[in-house]
Amino acid sequence: MTEPASSQTLHSLTIDLAGEIFAIPVVMVRDILDVLPVTEVPTARPFVNGLINVRGRVAPLVDLRLKLIAARRDHSQHALCGGRNRY
């Protein structure tokens, strides 16, 4: 017999962005990285700080503070966090 959903434990990583607390399910987090060299992208959107090299693969470096807080202020946009195991 399976447990009801209300009794299951959800493990999450919480982050404080501009005074707001966000939670990300731990199963969606692959790594927490030290500071890496960033390659700037001149025409990138304001929340994209540039590109980083993660174990030989290029990955965008996104400023979640700008992406999530700006999306919450503008209700015409939706923020979606995803991409588990993409790099």
N, C-alpha and C. Protein backbone atom coordinates (compact mmCIF):
# COMPACT_ATOMS: atom_id res chain seq x y z
N MET A 1 0.85 -1.17 0.00
CA MET A 1 0.00 0.00 0.00
C MET A 1 0.90 1.24 0.00
N THR A 2 0.57 2.24 -0.82
CA THR A 2 1.37 3.45 -0.88
C THR A 2 0.87 4.47 0.13
N GLU A 3 1.79 5.33 0.54
CA GLU A 3 1.44 6.37 1.50
C GLU A 3 0.65 7.48 0.80
N PRO A 4 -0.27 8.11 1.50
CA PRO A 4 -0.94 9.27 0.92
C PRO A 4 0.06 10.38 0.62
N ALA A 5 -0.20 11.17 -0.39
CA ALA A 5 0.72 12.23 -0.81
C ALA A 5 1.03 13.20 0.33
N SER A 6 0.09 13.44 1.22
CA SER A 6 0.31 14.42 2.29
C SER A 6 1.34 13.95 3.32
N SER A 7 1.62 12.65 3.40
CA SER A 7 2.58 12.17 4.38
C SER A 7 3.97 11.95 3.79
N GLN A 8 4.14 12.20 2.49
CA GLN A 8 5.44 12.03 1.87
C GLN A 8 6.30 13.27 2.13
N THR A 9 7.61 13.06 2.25
CA THR A 9 8.53 14.15 2.52
C THR A 9 9.09 14.69 1.21
N LEU A 10 9.10 16.01 1.08
CA LEU A 10 9.69 16.66 -0.09
C LEU A 10 10.96 17.35 0.36
N HIS A 11 12.08 16.94 -0.20
CA HIS A 11 13.36 17.57 0.11
C HIS A 11 13.60 18.66 -0.93
N SER A 12 13.96 19.85 -0.46
CA SER A 12 14.14 20.95 -1.39
C SER A 12 15.34 21.82 -1.01
N LEU A 13 15.85 22.51 -2.00
CA LEU A 13 16.89 23.51 -1.82
C LEU A 13 16.17 24.86 -1.80
N THR A 14 16.36 25.64 -0.76
CA THR A 14 15.73 26.94 -0.70
C THR A 14 16.76 28.03 -0.94
N ILE A 15 16.34 29.05 -1.66
CA ILE A 15 17.21 30.18 -1.96
C ILE A 15 16.45 31.47 -1.69
N ASP A 16 17.17 32.47 -1.23
CA ASP A 16 16.60 33.79 -0.96
C ASP A 16 17.03 34.70 -2.10
N LEU A 17 16.06 35.18 -2.85
CA LEU A 17 16.33 36.09 -3.96
C LEU A 17 15.60 37.40 -3.71
N ALA A 18 16.35 38.43 -3.44
CA ALA A 18 15.77 39.76 -3.20
C ALA A 18 14.70 39.73 -2.13
N GLY A 19 14.92 38.95 -1.07
CA GLY A 19 13.99 38.91 0.05
C GLY A 19 12.84 37.94 -0.12
N GLU A 20 12.76 37.23 -1.22
CA GLU A 20 11.72 36.23 -1.43
C GLU A 20 12.37 34.85 -1.39
N ILE A 21 11.69 33.90 -0.76
CA ILE A 21 12.22 32.54 -0.63
C ILE A 21 11.61 31.67 -1.73
N PHE A 22 12.48 30.96 -2.44
CA PHE A 22 12.06 30.01 -3.48
C PHE A 22 12.58 28.63 -3.09
N ALA A 23 11.82 27.60 -3.41
CA ALA A 23 12.23 26.22 -3.13
C ALA A 23 12.30 25.45 -4.45
N ILE A 24 13.38 24.70 -4.60
CA ILE A 24 13.58 23.86 -5.79
C ILE A 24 13.70 22.43 -5.30
N PRO A 25 12.90 21.50 -5.84
CA PRO A 25 13.02 20.10 -5.41
C PRO A 25 14.46 19.60 -5.63
N VAL A 26 15.00 18.92 -4.64
CA VAL A 26 16.38 18.43 -4.70
C VAL A 26 16.59 17.53 -5.93
N VAL A 27 15.60 16.80 -6.34
CA VAL A 27 15.76 15.92 -7.51
C VAL A 27 16.01 16.71 -8.79
N MET A 28 15.73 18.03 -8.79
CA MET A 28 15.98 18.87 -9.94
C MET A 28 17.37 19.50 -9.92
N VAL A 29 18.10 19.36 -8.81
CA VAL A 29 19.41 19.99 -8.64
C VAL A 29 20.49 18.95 -8.93
N ARG A 30 21.31 19.25 -9.91
CA ARG A 30 22.40 18.32 -10.23
C ARG A 30 23.67 18.69 -9.48
N ASP A 31 24.01 19.96 -9.45
CA ASP A 31 25.24 20.43 -8.81
C ASP A 31 25.01 21.82 -8.23
N ILE A 32 25.83 22.14 -7.25
CA ILE A 32 26.00 23.51 -6.80
C ILE A 32 27.46 23.81 -7.05
N LEU A 33 27.72 24.70 -7.97
CA LEU A 33 29.07 24.92 -8.47
C LEU A 33 29.76 26.09 -7.80
N ASP A 34 31.08 26.00 -7.69
CA ASP A 34 31.88 27.15 -7.30
C ASP A 34 31.86 28.15 -8.45
N VAL A 35 32.35 29.34 -8.20
CA VAL A 35 32.40 30.37 -9.24
C VAL A 35 33.27 29.88 -10.39
N LEU A 36 32.74 30.02 -11.61
CA LEU A 36 33.45 29.60 -12.82
C LEU A 36 33.67 30.80 -13.73
N PRO A 37 34.67 30.73 -14.63
CA PRO A 37 34.83 31.82 -15.60
C PRO A 37 33.59 31.92 -16.49
N VAL A 38 33.16 33.15 -16.77
CA VAL A 38 31.95 33.39 -17.56
C VAL A 38 32.33 34.03 -18.88
N THR A 39 31.77 33.50 -19.98
CA THR A 39 31.94 34.10 -21.31
C THR A 39 30.69 34.93 -21.59
N GLU A 40 30.88 36.22 -21.76
CA GLU A 40 29.74 37.10 -22.00
C GLU A 40 29.16 36.87 -23.39
N VAL A 41 27.85 37.08 -23.51
CA VAL A 41 27.14 36.98 -24.77
C VAL A 41 26.51 38.35 -25.02
N PRO A 42 27.03 39.11 -25.97
CA PRO A 42 26.62 40.50 -26.15
C PRO A 42 25.12 40.73 -26.37
N THR A 43 24.43 39.86 -27.07
CA THR A 43 23.01 40.10 -27.38
C THR A 43 22.06 39.29 -26.50
N ALA A 44 22.57 38.77 -25.40
CA ALA A 44 21.74 37.94 -24.52
C ALA A 44 20.73 38.80 -23.77
N ARG A 45 19.67 38.16 -23.32
CA ARG A 45 18.66 38.84 -22.52
C ARG A 45 19.28 39.27 -21.19
N PRO A 46 18.72 40.27 -20.53
CA PRO A 46 19.35 40.82 -19.31
C PRO A 46 19.58 39.79 -18.20
N PHE A 47 18.74 38.76 -18.07
CA PHE A 47 18.91 37.79 -17.00
C PHE A 47 19.95 36.72 -17.32
N VAL A 48 20.49 36.70 -18.55
CA VAL A 48 21.54 35.74 -18.93
C VAL A 48 22.88 36.43 -18.74
N ASN A 49 23.63 35.97 -17.73
CA ASN A 49 24.93 36.58 -17.45
C ASN A 49 26.01 36.16 -18.43
N GLY A 50 25.81 35.06 -19.12
CA GLY A 50 26.78 34.57 -20.07
C GLY A 50 26.74 33.06 -20.13
N LEU A 51 27.84 32.47 -20.59
CA LEU A 51 27.96 31.03 -20.72
C LEU A 51 29.09 30.52 -19.84
N ILE A 52 28.91 29.32 -19.30
CA ILE A 52 29.96 28.69 -18.49
C ILE A 52 30.23 27.30 -19.04
N ASN A 53 31.39 26.77 -18.72
CA ASN A 53 31.79 25.43 -19.12
C ASN A 53 31.59 24.50 -17.92
N VAL A 54 30.65 23.57 -18.05
CA VAL A 54 30.38 22.61 -16.98
C VAL A 54 30.78 21.22 -17.48
N ARG A 55 31.91 20.75 -16.99
CA ARG A 55 32.44 19.44 -17.39
C ARG A 55 32.49 19.27 -18.91
N GLY A 56 32.98 20.32 -19.60
CA GLY A 56 33.15 20.24 -21.05
C GLY A 56 31.92 20.58 -21.87
N ARG A 57 30.83 20.94 -21.23
CA ARG A 57 29.61 21.32 -21.94
C ARG A 57 29.28 22.77 -21.64
N VAL A 58 28.78 23.47 -22.65
CA VAL A 58 28.42 24.87 -22.49
C VAL A 58 27.03 24.95 -21.87
N ALA A 59 26.89 25.80 -20.85
CA ALA A 59 25.60 25.98 -20.18
C ALA A 59 25.38 27.47 -19.95
N PRO A 60 24.13 27.93 -20.09
CA PRO A 60 23.85 29.34 -19.82
C PRO A 60 23.90 29.61 -18.32
N LEU A 61 24.39 30.78 -17.96
CA LEU A 61 24.42 31.21 -16.58
C LEU A 61 23.30 32.24 -16.41
N VAL A 62 22.25 31.84 -15.71
CA VAL A 62 21.05 32.68 -15.57
C VAL A 62 21.01 33.30 -14.18
N ASP A 63 20.75 34.59 -14.12
CA ASP A 63 20.57 35.28 -12.85
C ASP A 63 19.12 35.06 -12.42
N LEU A 64 18.90 34.09 -11.52
CA LEU A 64 17.55 33.75 -11.10
C LEU A 64 16.85 34.91 -10.41
N ARG A 65 17.63 35.77 -9.77
CA ARG A 65 17.03 36.94 -9.12
C ARG A 65 16.31 37.79 -10.16
N LEU A 66 16.96 38.05 -11.28
CA LEU A 66 16.34 38.85 -12.33
C LEU A 66 15.21 38.08 -13.03
N LYS A 67 15.43 36.82 -13.31
CA LYS A 67 14.44 36.03 -14.05
C LYS A 67 13.17 35.80 -13.23
N LEU A 68 13.30 35.33 -12.00
CA LEU A 68 12.12 34.99 -11.20
C LEU A 68 11.40 36.20 -10.64
N ILE A 69 12.15 37.15 -10.11
CA ILE A 69 11.50 38.32 -9.51
C ILE A 69 10.83 39.15 -10.60
N ALA A 70 11.49 39.34 -11.74
CA ALA A 70 10.88 40.10 -12.84
C ALA A 70 9.63 39.38 -13.35
N ALA A 71 9.67 38.06 -13.43
CA ALA A 71 8.50 37.30 -13.91
C ALA A 71 7.34 37.41 -12.93
N ARG A 72 7.62 37.50 -11.63
CA ARG A 72 6.55 37.62 -10.64
C ARG A 72 5.91 39.01 -10.70
N ARG A 73 6.67 40.02 -11.07
CA ARG A 73 6.14 41.38 -11.16
C ARG A 73 5.30 41.55 -12.41
N ASP A 74 5.67 40.88 -13.49
CA ASP A 74 4.94 40.97 -14.76
C ASP A 74 4.10 39.72 -14.89
N HIS A 75 2.81 39.83 -14.57
CA HIS A 75 1.94 38.66 -14.56
C HIS A 75 1.61 38.14 -15.96
N SER A 76 2.07 38.83 -17.00
CA SER A 76 1.81 38.35 -18.35
C SER A 76 2.85 37.30 -18.77
N GLN A 77 3.87 37.09 -17.93
CA GLN A 77 4.90 36.10 -18.23
C GLN A 77 4.88 35.01 -17.17
N HIS A 78 5.36 33.85 -17.52
CA HIS A 78 5.47 32.75 -16.57
C HIS A 78 6.92 32.30 -16.51
N ALA A 79 7.40 32.01 -15.32
CA ALA A 79 8.76 31.49 -15.16
C ALA A 79 8.68 29.98 -15.00
N LEU A 80 9.53 29.26 -15.70
CA LEU A 80 9.56 27.81 -15.62
C LEU A 80 10.98 27.38 -15.33
N CYS A 81 11.16 26.66 -14.24
CA CYS A 81 12.48 26.13 -13.89
C CYS A 81 12.50 24.66 -14.28
N GLY A 82 13.45 24.27 -15.04
CA GLY A 82 13.51 22.87 -15.45
C GLY A 82 14.87 22.55 -16.02
N GLY A 83 14.93 21.45 -16.74
CA GLY A 83 16.16 21.07 -17.38
C GLY A 83 16.99 20.11 -16.58
N ARG A 84 16.36 19.20 -15.86
CA ARG A 84 17.09 18.24 -15.05
C ARG A 84 18.02 17.41 -15.93
N ASN A 85 19.27 17.33 -15.49
CA ASN A 85 20.30 16.52 -16.17
C ASN A 85 20.51 16.92 -17.63
N ARG A 86 20.43 18.18 -17.93
CA ARG A 86 20.61 18.63 -19.31
C ARG A 86 22.07 18.82 -19.68
N TYR A 87 22.96 18.97 -18.71
CA TYR A 87 24.38 19.18 -19.06
C TYR A 87 25.22 18.11 -18.48
